[in-house]
Amino acid sequence: MDAVGRLHRVVAGPRLIALACLVVLAGCAEPPAPPPSEAEALALLDRIVATAMRRDFDALCAFGTSACYDFLDQAGRDAVPPQPPRVVGITRLENSRRPDGLWTSGGVLLQLCGVDGRGRPYASEMLIVRKGSVSNPGPLAASEPVYWSGMRIARDATVGGGSEPIDCSRGADRFHIVRSDRARSVLDTLRERERMLIAG
């Protein structure tokens, strides 16, 4: 069975900073497709940035989910950054098997900084995953291709909080590999946030 991705968000604060989670679960015994490599994730980011700079918003949202249009409305179609974002953090989350036998798909989490087209600084996170299963891998997808929206990935189950700070003063000097125990912890919290958002 192919992985199924769901994106839920909470918008909070005067700057409409969004907290989002993308949880990709495969319901059969077959593991999900392996997470993309750093090079693949950065190549997808380059394509997303080029698409945004062309202002081809339908093509931009095709990289993510239908929630992309909401993020576009909040971040501003006129606020596309004139320069690509700086990647200041890269974390690879490995696939992990949950106690109930289902799989949680990993991905590459990018931390991005820049200045949008209205002159406002932004610090965002984007989770890049590979759709499909290990025997039938699919294309890459991004949790939120509107990279200037200030979207963050929450790290705990408290709605409206828990995202880690992004240090925009540094560059990505290493590729962080998160092994299965840590990945399970991070993605389990994202799954709990998803349940809370559905219930709320």
Protein backbone atom coordinates (compact mmCIF):
# COMPACT_ATOMS: atom_id res chain seq x y z
CA MET A 1 0.00 0.00 0.00
CA ASP A 2 1.31 3.48 -0.87
CA ALA A 3 1.97 5.91 1.93
CA VAL A 4 -0.83 8.35 2.68
CA GLY A 5 0.17 11.86 3.79
CA ARG A 6 -2.01 14.22 5.77
CA LEU A 7 -1.18 17.82 6.61
CA HIS A 8 -2.94 19.70 9.40
CA ARG A 9 -2.08 23.15 10.63
CA VAL A 10 -2.77 25.64 13.39
CA VAL A 11 -2.34 29.32 12.57
CA ALA A 12 -1.43 31.51 15.54
CA GLY A 13 -0.25 35.03 16.29
CA PRO A 14 -0.35 38.33 14.46
CA ARG A 15 2.21 37.26 11.83
CA LEU A 16 0.10 34.17 10.98
CA ILE A 17 2.94 31.79 11.77
CA ALA A 18 1.72 28.27 11.14
CA LEU A 19 2.58 25.09 12.98
CA ALA A 20 2.12 22.02 10.84
CA CYS A 21 2.75 18.32 10.86
CA LEU A 22 3.02 15.90 8.02
CA VAL A 23 2.57 12.30 9.10
CA VAL A 24 3.03 9.63 6.48
CA LEU A 25 1.83 6.18 7.44
CA ALA A 26 1.90 2.92 5.52
CA GLY A 27 -0.70 0.46 6.76
CA CYS A 28 0.76 -2.79 5.46
CA ALA A 29 3.74 -4.87 6.48
CA GLU A 30 5.81 -3.44 3.65
CA PRO A 31 7.93 -0.50 4.81
CA PRO A 32 7.48 2.93 3.26
CA ALA A 33 9.90 4.16 0.64
CA PRO A 34 13.23 5.24 2.11
CA PRO A 35 13.59 8.92 2.99
CA PRO A 36 15.21 11.08 0.34
CA SER A 37 18.91 11.85 0.54
CA GLU A 38 20.17 15.32 1.42
CA ALA A 39 20.99 15.92 -2.26
CA GLU A 40 17.48 14.87 -3.36
CA ALA A 41 15.83 17.08 -0.73
CA LEU A 42 17.93 20.10 -1.70
CA ALA A 43 17.25 19.46 -5.40
CA LEU A 44 13.50 19.47 -4.68
CA LEU A 45 13.89 22.68 -2.70
CA ASP A 46 15.65 24.24 -5.73
CA ARG A 47 12.71 23.24 -7.96
CA ILE A 48 10.21 24.64 -5.43
CA VAL A 49 12.10 27.95 -5.22
CA ALA A 50 12.36 28.27 -9.01
CA THR A 51 8.63 27.56 -9.33
CA ALA A 52 7.75 30.16 -6.68
CA MET A 53 9.97 32.77 -8.32
CA ARG A 54 8.12 32.19 -11.62
CA ARG A 55 4.90 32.76 -9.62
CA ASP A 56 3.46 29.53 -10.98
CA PHE A 57 1.39 28.94 -7.85
CA ASP A 58 -0.57 25.93 -9.13
CA ALA A 59 2.70 24.15 -9.93
CA LEU A 60 4.09 25.26 -6.55
CA CYS A 61 1.17 23.77 -4.66
CA ALA A 62 1.47 20.53 -6.65
CA PHE A 63 4.64 19.86 -4.60
CA GLY A 64 2.58 19.80 -1.38
CA THR A 65 -1.05 19.48 -0.28
CA SER A 66 -4.27 21.42 -0.84
CA ALA A 67 -3.48 23.45 2.31
CA CYS A 68 -0.81 25.19 0.20
CA TYR A 69 -3.38 27.68 -1.12
CA ASP A 70 -4.29 28.71 2.44
CA PHE A 71 -0.61 29.31 3.20
CA LEU A 72 -0.28 31.33 -0.01
CA ASP A 73 -3.18 33.55 1.04
CA GLN A 74 -1.64 34.09 4.49
CA ALA A 75 1.99 34.55 3.44
CA GLY A 76 1.09 36.60 0.36
CA ARG A 77 1.46 35.78 -3.30
CA ASP A 78 3.07 39.19 -3.68
CA ALA A 79 5.61 38.29 -0.96
CA VAL A 80 7.58 35.63 -2.88
CA PRO A 81 11.19 36.20 -1.78
CA PRO A 82 13.44 37.73 -4.44
CA GLN A 83 16.31 35.48 -3.31
CA PRO A 84 16.39 31.72 -2.51
CA PRO A 85 16.27 30.79 1.18
CA ARG A 86 19.40 29.95 3.12
CA VAL A 87 19.39 26.39 4.43
CA VAL A 88 20.56 26.66 8.04
CA GLY A 89 19.64 23.18 9.27
CA ILE A 90 19.17 19.72 7.79
CA THR A 91 17.89 16.72 9.75
CA ARG A 92 17.24 13.28 8.29
CA LEU A 93 14.49 11.26 9.99
CA GLU A 94 14.63 7.52 9.30
CA ASN A 95 11.56 5.34 8.77
CA SER A 96 10.46 3.60 11.95
CA ARG A 97 8.00 0.86 12.86
CA ARG A 98 5.45 1.65 15.52
CA PRO A 99 4.42 -0.82 18.27
CA ASP A 100 1.08 -1.38 16.48
CA GLY A 101 2.96 -2.62 13.39
CA LEU A 102 2.30 0.43 11.21
CA TRP A 103 5.17 2.37 9.72
CA THR A 104 5.97 6.03 10.22
CA SER A 105 7.73 7.43 7.20
CA GLY A 106 10.84 9.49 7.67
CA GLY A 107 12.04 12.44 5.64
CA VAL A 108 14.47 15.32 5.49
CA LEU A 109 13.63 18.36 7.62
CA LEU A 110 15.03 21.62 6.23
CA GLN A 111 15.31 24.84 8.24
CA LEU A 112 15.14 27.87 5.95
CA CYS A 113 15.81 31.58 6.47
CA GLY A 114 15.45 34.63 4.28
CA VAL A 115 13.61 37.86 3.57
CA ASP A 116 10.29 37.81 1.72
CA GLY A 117 9.17 40.11 -1.08
CA ARG A 118 7.70 42.58 1.40
CA GLY A 119 11.00 42.92 3.25
CA ARG A 120 9.97 40.73 6.20
CA PRO A 121 12.45 38.17 7.55
CA TYR A 122 11.18 34.59 7.75
CA ALA A 123 12.35 31.38 9.39
CA SER A 124 10.53 28.26 8.20
CA GLU A 125 10.75 24.49 8.22
CA MET A 126 9.96 22.13 5.37
CA LEU A 127 9.70 18.35 5.65
CA ILE A 128 10.51 16.52 2.41
CA VAL A 129 9.30 12.92 2.14
CA ARG A 130 9.21 10.20 -0.50
CA LYS A 131 5.77 8.84 -1.30
CA GLY A 132 5.14 5.15 -1.92
CA SER A 133 6.56 1.94 -0.52
CA VAL A 134 9.97 0.30 -0.51
CA SER A 135 9.01 -1.85 -3.53
CA ASN A 136 7.19 0.98 -5.34
CA PRO A 137 8.82 4.30 -4.39
CA GLY A 138 7.05 7.41 -5.56
CA PRO A 139 7.93 11.05 -6.08
CA LEU A 140 9.14 13.43 -3.41
CA ALA A 141 6.68 15.78 -1.71
CA ALA A 142 7.08 18.80 0.59
CA SER A 143 5.06 19.46 3.74
CA GLU A 144 4.69 23.11 2.77
CA PRO A 145 6.15 24.57 -0.40
CA VAL A 146 5.28 28.15 0.65
CA TYR A 147 8.68 28.42 2.29
CA TRP A 148 8.34 32.13 3.20
CA SER A 149 5.23 31.48 5.34
CA GLY A 150 7.10 31.02 8.64
CA MET A 151 5.67 27.49 8.95
CA ARG A 152 7.27 25.40 11.72
CA ILE A 153 7.08 21.71 12.58
CA ALA A 154 5.96 21.26 16.19
CA ARG A 155 8.04 18.92 18.33
CA ASP A 156 5.49 18.25 21.08
CA ALA A 157 1.79 17.55 21.45
CA THR A 158 0.85 20.99 22.76
CA VAL A 159 -1.09 22.84 20.10
CA GLY A 160 0.56 26.16 19.38
CA GLY A 161 3.95 25.40 20.88
CA GLY A 162 6.98 23.22 20.95
CA SER A 163 8.79 24.12 17.76
CA GLU A 164 12.55 24.37 18.06
CA PRO A 165 14.14 27.77 17.43
CA ILE A 166 15.80 28.36 14.08
CA ASP A 167 19.19 30.06 14.23
CA CYS A 168 19.30 32.16 11.06
CA SER A 169 22.83 33.35 11.85
CA ARG A 170 24.38 30.03 10.86
CA GLY A 171 24.61 27.83 7.79
CA ALA A 172 24.00 24.12 7.41
CA ASP A 173 27.43 22.74 8.18
CA ARG A 174 26.44 19.13 8.69
CA PHE A 175 23.76 16.64 7.84
CA HIS A 176 22.09 15.35 11.00
CA ILE A 177 21.10 11.68 10.82
CA VAL A 178 18.29 10.91 13.25
CA ARG A 179 18.21 7.18 13.94
CA SER A 180 15.02 5.23 14.47
CA ASP A 181 14.56 5.87 18.23
CA ARG A 182 14.80 9.65 17.88
CA ALA A 183 12.81 9.61 14.64
CA ARG A 184 10.08 7.60 16.34
CA SER A 185 9.96 10.14 19.18
CA VAL A 186 9.75 13.15 16.85
CA LEU A 187 7.24 11.62 14.45
CA ASP A 188 5.11 10.14 17.24
CA THR A 189 4.74 13.67 18.63
CA LEU A 190 3.74 14.88 15.17
CA ARG A 191 1.17 12.08 14.99
CA GLU A 192 -0.23 13.08 18.40
CA ARG A 193 -0.50 16.69 17.19
CA GLU A 194 -2.36 15.45 14.12
CA ARG A 195 -4.88 13.59 16.34
CA MET A 196 -5.40 16.74 18.45
CA LEU A 197 -5.95 18.88 15.38
CA ILE A 198 -8.48 16.41 13.96
CA ALA A 199 -10.32 16.24 17.32
CA GLY A 200 -10.24 20.04 17.75
